[in-house]
């Protein structure tokens, strides 16, 4: 229950500091401070629920809801709160990984003219959202409280680390920063349009580093393989791989974003298992 409060506290303190320096984020600072207070009140009420199963469910719902709130409020604020842009550094990291090549350009150009390929990858990119919600539901319903707490802890750790990346490494991704480097526009159809429209409704591309599309997908998959339903985890593996490919091919992420997203997911799983294992006396 303390992890979301820590993340909200760091975000709020950063925004208050930026606002005091004259940056145009006073409204965002007030909003996140209010969210921190609301979280504290709701957490206090959740702790007073007498039944353990209901208390665990309430705590999990509150933690996940706070992370989803930050996902919708934090991304674009970072560009006003932080006096630098991370796209150039992320692009340089990609070139270092690819020995001087531009992996995002190479992959995107290779598929940009194929409507079938672009549409298929756009479908898997969009499938992340139902996959995320369905997996959260299946993990939190009918599982022992210990597993529920472990999952909530891992999920919150991953999202918390990722939001700090969004905040302190503000970047819009290749689709904006490298727009002039691609050979042509992506040739897609209704699924690509769905992705583009969804991102536009959120204010345009933001929050490139790290990739939560990959990080969250991998966390859900590995958690099931290790702690939940191994068969379901095996079914998820190709979906995770295709989501990862789609994030780069559709120009929303650098490869280094995927590396960071995967590393954060594995770290969150390891730390959560350690923390909750100690609590369970494992």
Protein backbone atom coordinates (compact mmCIF):
# COMPACT_ATOMS: atom_id res chain seq x y z
CA UNK A 1 0.00 0.00 0.00
CA UNK A 2 2.96 2.34 0.51
CA UNK A 3 4.43 1.95 -2.99
CA UNK A 4 1.82 4.04 -4.85
CA UNK A 5 2.10 6.71 -2.16
CA UNK A 6 5.87 6.85 -2.69
CA UNK A 7 5.46 7.21 -6.47
CA UNK A 8 2.75 9.85 -6.08
CA UNK A 9 4.93 11.64 -3.55
CA UNK A 10 7.98 11.73 -5.84
CA UNK A 11 5.88 12.97 -8.75
CA UNK A 12 4.19 15.63 -6.62
CA UNK A 13 7.47 16.85 -5.13
CA UNK A 14 9.07 17.07 -8.58
CA UNK A 15 6.14 19.04 -9.97
CA UNK A 16 6.06 21.38 -6.95
CA UNK A 17 9.80 22.01 -7.38
CA UNK A 18 9.35 22.70 -11.09
CA UNK A 19 6.40 25.02 -10.42
CA UNK A 20 8.42 26.94 -7.82
CA UNK A 21 11.12 27.43 -10.48
CA UNK A 22 8.56 29.13 -12.71
CA UNK A 23 7.71 26.24 -15.00
CA UNK A 24 4.03 25.99 -16.07
CA UNK A 25 3.04 22.96 -13.98
CA UNK A 26 1.31 24.49 -10.94
CA UNK A 27 -2.04 22.99 -11.93
CA UNK A 28 -0.49 19.56 -12.43
CA UNK A 29 1.28 19.82 -9.08
CA UNK A 30 -2.03 20.59 -7.36
CA UNK A 31 -3.76 17.73 -9.16
CA UNK A 32 -1.13 15.18 -8.14
CA UNK A 33 -1.05 16.48 -4.55
CA UNK A 34 -4.83 15.99 -4.41
CA UNK A 35 -4.37 12.48 -5.81
CA UNK A 36 -1.80 11.76 -3.09
CA UNK A 37 -4.19 12.92 -0.36
CA UNK A 38 -7.06 10.92 -1.86
CA UNK A 39 -4.88 7.82 -2.05
CA UNK A 40 -3.91 8.21 1.61
CA UNK A 41 -7.54 8.51 2.68
CA UNK A 42 -8.70 5.55 0.60
CA UNK A 43 -5.76 3.42 1.78
CA UNK A 44 -6.67 4.22 5.39
CA UNK A 45 -10.26 3.12 4.75
CA UNK A 46 -9.10 -0.03 2.94
CA UNK A 47 -6.97 -1.05 5.93
CA UNK A 48 -10.10 -0.89 8.13
CA UNK A 49 -11.97 -3.51 6.11
CA UNK A 50 -12.37 -6.44 8.53
CA UNK A 51 -12.19 -9.33 6.04
CA UNK A 52 -8.79 -10.20 4.61
CA UNK A 53 -10.00 -11.19 1.14
CA UNK A 54 -11.97 -7.96 0.76
CA UNK A 55 -9.11 -5.93 2.22
CA UNK A 56 -6.65 -7.45 -0.24
CA UNK A 57 -9.01 -6.86 -3.17
CA UNK A 58 -9.59 -3.24 -2.14
CA UNK A 59 -5.86 -2.62 -1.70
CA UNK A 60 -5.11 -4.15 -5.09
CA UNK A 61 -7.81 -2.18 -6.86
CA UNK A 62 -6.60 1.04 -5.25
CA UNK A 63 -2.95 0.44 -6.14
CA UNK A 64 -3.76 -0.44 -9.75
CA UNK A 65 -6.19 2.48 -10.09
CA UNK A 66 -3.52 4.90 -8.84
CA UNK A 67 -1.09 3.63 -11.46
CA UNK A 68 -3.66 3.98 -14.22
CA UNK A 69 -4.39 7.51 -13.00
CA UNK A 70 -0.72 8.43 -13.30
CA UNK A 71 -0.58 6.88 -16.76
CA UNK A 72 -3.21 9.38 -17.89
CA UNK A 73 -1.94 12.45 -16.01
CA UNK A 74 1.84 12.30 -16.06
CA UNK A 75 3.07 11.78 -19.62
CA UNK A 76 2.70 15.21 -21.17
CA UNK A 77 3.34 17.09 -17.92
CA UNK A 78 6.94 15.88 -18.01
CA UNK A 79 7.70 18.00 -21.07
CA UNK A 80 6.76 21.12 -19.11
CA UNK A 81 8.28 20.05 -15.78
CA UNK A 82 11.68 18.82 -16.95
CA UNK A 83 14.02 21.16 -18.85
CA UNK A 84 15.39 18.56 -21.23
CA UNK A 85 14.22 16.03 -23.81
CA UNK A 86 15.36 12.41 -23.84
CA UNK A 87 14.78 11.50 -27.49
CA UNK A 88 18.31 12.28 -28.66
CA UNK A 89 19.89 10.21 -25.88
CA UNK A 90 17.54 7.29 -26.51
CA UNK A 91 18.27 7.39 -30.22
CA UNK A 92 22.00 7.42 -29.49
CA UNK A 93 21.54 4.40 -27.20
CA UNK A 94 19.79 2.57 -30.04
CA UNK A 95 22.66 3.28 -32.40
CA UNK A 96 25.08 1.95 -29.80
CA UNK A 97 23.04 -1.23 -29.42
CA UNK A 98 22.87 -1.71 -33.20
CA UNK A 99 26.54 -0.83 -33.85
CA UNK A 100 25.72 2.43 -35.60
CA UNK A 101 22.54 1.36 -37.39
CA UNK A 102 19.06 2.76 -36.73
CA UNK A 103 17.00 -0.33 -35.75
CA UNK A 104 13.69 1.54 -35.62
CA UNK A 105 14.19 2.94 -39.12
CA UNK A 106 15.34 -0.40 -40.52
CA UNK A 107 12.39 -2.38 -39.11
CA UNK A 108 9.74 0.24 -39.85
CA UNK A 109 10.92 0.81 -43.41
CA UNK A 110 10.97 -2.94 -44.00
CA UNK A 111 7.26 -3.31 -43.20
CA UNK A 112 5.87 0.14 -44.04
CA UNK A 113 4.71 -0.77 -47.55
CA UNK A 114 2.95 -4.00 -46.56
CA UNK A 115 -0.61 -3.22 -45.52
CA UNK A 116 -1.15 -6.76 -44.19
CA UNK A 117 1.96 -6.66 -42.00
CA UNK A 118 1.27 -3.17 -40.69
CA UNK A 119 -2.35 -4.05 -39.89
CA UNK A 120 -1.32 -7.27 -38.14
CA UNK A 121 1.20 -5.44 -35.96
CA UNK A 122 -1.30 -2.65 -35.24
CA UNK A 123 -3.77 -5.33 -34.10
CA UNK A 124 -1.25 -6.74 -31.64
CA UNK A 125 -0.28 -3.26 -30.46
CA UNK A 126 -3.94 -2.51 -29.74
CA UNK A 127 -4.44 -5.96 -28.18
CA UNK A 128 -2.20 -4.90 -25.30
CA UNK A 129 -5.07 -3.12 -23.53
CA UNK A 130 -7.58 -6.03 -23.41
CA UNK A 131 -4.68 -8.39 -22.64
CA UNK A 132 -3.66 -6.18 -19.72
CA UNK A 133 -7.13 -5.83 -18.22
CA UNK A 134 -8.07 -9.48 -18.72
CA UNK A 135 -4.82 -10.70 -17.17
CA UNK A 136 -5.21 -8.40 -14.16
CA UNK A 137 -8.76 -9.68 -13.65
CA UNK A 138 -7.77 -13.34 -13.95
CA UNK A 139 -4.85 -12.85 -11.56
CA UNK A 140 -6.86 -11.07 -8.89
CA UNK A 141 -9.91 -13.34 -9.01
CA UNK A 142 -9.73 -16.75 -7.39
CA UNK A 143 -6.04 -16.63 -6.48
CA UNK A 144 -4.74 -17.00 -2.89
CA UNK A 145 -4.18 -13.67 -1.10
CA UNK A 146 -0.40 -14.22 -1.06
CA UNK A 147 -0.24 -14.46 -4.86
CA UNK A 148 -2.54 -11.49 -5.23
CA UNK A 149 -0.31 -9.36 -3.00
CA UNK A 150 2.81 -10.49 -4.87
CA UNK A 151 1.25 -9.58 -8.21
CA UNK A 152 0.02 -6.19 -7.00
CA UNK A 153 3.47 -5.43 -5.59
CA UNK A 154 5.22 -6.38 -8.84
CA UNK A 155 2.71 -4.44 -10.94
CA UNK A 156 3.05 -1.32 -8.80
CA UNK A 157 6.85 -1.52 -8.78
CA UNK A 158 6.96 -1.82 -12.57
CA UNK A 159 4.58 1.06 -13.17
CA UNK A 160 6.21 3.20 -10.51
CA UNK A 161 9.69 2.77 -12.02
CA UNK A 162 8.29 3.37 -15.49
CA UNK A 163 6.54 6.59 -14.48
CA UNK A 164 9.79 7.90 -13.05
CA UNK A 165 11.29 7.15 -16.46
CA UNK A 166 8.48 9.07 -18.15
CA UNK A 167 9.04 11.97 -15.77
CA UNK A 168 12.83 12.25 -15.81
CA UNK A 169 13.46 11.07 -19.41
CA UNK A 170 10.62 12.81 -21.27
CA UNK A 171 10.52 11.54 -24.85
CA UNK A 172 7.93 11.31 -27.62
CA UNK A 173 9.51 8.42 -29.48
CA UNK A 174 10.66 7.89 -33.07
CA UNK A 175 7.24 8.70 -34.57
CA UNK A 176 7.86 12.36 -33.65
CA UNK A 177 11.61 12.69 -33.08
CA UNK A 178 12.59 10.77 -36.22
CA UNK A 179 9.63 11.62 -38.46
CA UNK A 180 11.87 12.81 -41.30
CA UNK A 181 14.02 9.67 -41.31
CA UNK A 182 11.43 7.14 -42.45
CA UNK A 183 11.14 6.32 -46.13
CA UNK A 184 7.35 6.55 -46.22
CA UNK A 185 4.24 6.63 -44.10
CA UNK A 186 2.92 3.37 -42.70
CA UNK A 187 0.41 1.76 -45.07
CA UNK A 188 -2.28 0.49 -42.75
CA UNK A 189 -6.02 0.21 -42.35
CA UNK A 190 -8.61 0.26 -39.55
CA UNK A 191 -6.39 -1.23 -36.83
CA UNK A 192 -3.59 1.25 -37.50
CA UNK A 193 -6.16 4.05 -37.51
CA UNK A 194 -7.51 2.78 -34.19
CA UNK A 195 -4.02 2.96 -32.69
CA UNK A 196 -3.34 6.42 -34.08
CA UNK A 197 -6.73 7.76 -32.95
CA UNK A 198 -6.32 6.30 -29.46
CA UNK A 199 -2.91 7.93 -29.03
CA UNK A 200 -4.17 11.22 -30.43
CA UNK A 201 -7.01 11.22 -27.88
CA UNK A 202 -4.36 11.03 -25.17
CA UNK A 203 -2.61 14.11 -26.57
CA UNK A 204 -0.19 12.43 -28.95
CA UNK A 205 2.89 10.24 -28.44
CA UNK A 206 4.62 10.53 -25.07
CA UNK A 207 6.22 8.37 -22.42
CA UNK A 208 8.58 6.45 -24.67
CA UNK A 209 11.08 5.35 -22.00
CA UNK A 210 10.59 2.63 -20.89
CA UNK A 211 8.08 0.64 -22.94
CA UNK A 212 5.20 -0.36 -20.68
CA UNK A 213 3.68 -2.20 -23.63
CA UNK A 214 6.54 -4.67 -23.34
CA UNK A 215 7.21 -4.30 -19.62
CA UNK A 216 3.64 -4.98 -18.50
CA UNK A 217 3.12 -7.73 -21.11
CA UNK A 218 6.28 -9.50 -20.01
CA UNK A 219 5.45 -9.13 -16.31
CA UNK A 220 2.01 -10.71 -16.83
CA UNK A 221 3.49 -13.54 -18.87
CA UNK A 222 6.38 -14.35 -16.52
CA UNK A 223 4.19 -14.10 -13.42
CA UNK A 224 1.86 -16.74 -14.86
CA UNK A 225 4.78 -18.94 -15.92
CA UNK A 226 6.32 -18.82 -12.45
CA UNK A 227 3.49 -18.28 -10.00
CA UNK A 228 0.11 -18.60 -11.70
CA UNK A 229 -1.01 -20.60 -14.72
CA UNK A 230 2.01 -21.88 -16.71
CA UNK A 231 -0.14 -22.93 -19.68
CA UNK A 232 -1.60 -19.44 -19.95
CA UNK A 233 1.90 -18.02 -19.65
CA UNK A 234 3.08 -20.15 -22.58
CA UNK A 235 0.15 -18.93 -24.67
CA UNK A 236 1.16 -15.35 -23.85
CA UNK A 237 4.76 -15.71 -25.11
CA UNK A 238 4.07 -15.13 -28.84
CA UNK A 239 1.71 -12.26 -27.96
CA UNK A 240 4.44 -10.57 -25.91
CA UNK A 241 6.93 -10.99 -28.77
CA UNK A 242 4.52 -9.51 -31.33
CA UNK A 243 3.62 -6.58 -29.05
CA UNK A 244 7.32 -5.85 -28.64
CA UNK A 245 7.89 -5.92 -32.40
CA UNK A 246 4.85 -3.72 -33.01
CA UNK A 247 6.04 -0.98 -30.64
CA UNK A 248 9.18 -0.50 -32.73
CA UNK A 249 7.73 -1.16 -36.18
CA UNK A 250 4.91 1.33 -35.61
CA UNK A 251 7.54 3.90 -34.52
CA UNK A 252 6.34 4.47 -30.97
CA UNK A 253 9.41 3.10 -29.17
CA UNK A 254 13.16 2.87 -29.49
CA UNK A 255 14.75 -0.54 -28.94
CA UNK A 256 16.37 0.75 -25.73
CA UNK A 257 12.83 1.36 -24.44
CA UNK A 258 12.12 -2.35 -24.83
CA UNK A 259 15.36 -3.30 -23.09
CA UNK A 260 14.49 -1.02 -20.16
CA UNK A 261 10.87 -2.21 -20.04
CA UNK A 262 11.95 -5.86 -19.90
CA UNK A 263 14.62 -5.14 -17.27
CA UNK A 264 12.16 -3.20 -15.09
CA UNK A 265 9.59 -6.02 -15.36
CA UNK A 266 12.05 -8.71 -14.30
CA UNK A 267 13.38 -6.53 -11.49
CA UNK A 268 9.85 -5.81 -10.26
CA UNK A 269 9.01 -9.52 -10.24
CA UNK A 270 12.18 -10.41 -8.34
CA UNK A 271 11.75 -7.67 -5.73
CA UNK A 272 8.04 -8.44 -5.26
CA UNK A 273 8.75 -12.16 -4.76
CA UNK A 274 11.39 -11.30 -2.18
CA UNK A 275 9.26 -8.77 -0.30
CA UNK A 276 6.07 -10.82 -0.20
CA UNK A 277 7.97 -14.08 0.38
CA UNK A 278 9.42 -12.60 3.55
CA UNK A 279 5.94 -11.48 4.64
CA UNK A 280 4.53 -14.95 4.06
CA UNK A 281 7.42 -16.52 5.95
CA UNK A 282 8.67 -18.26 2.80
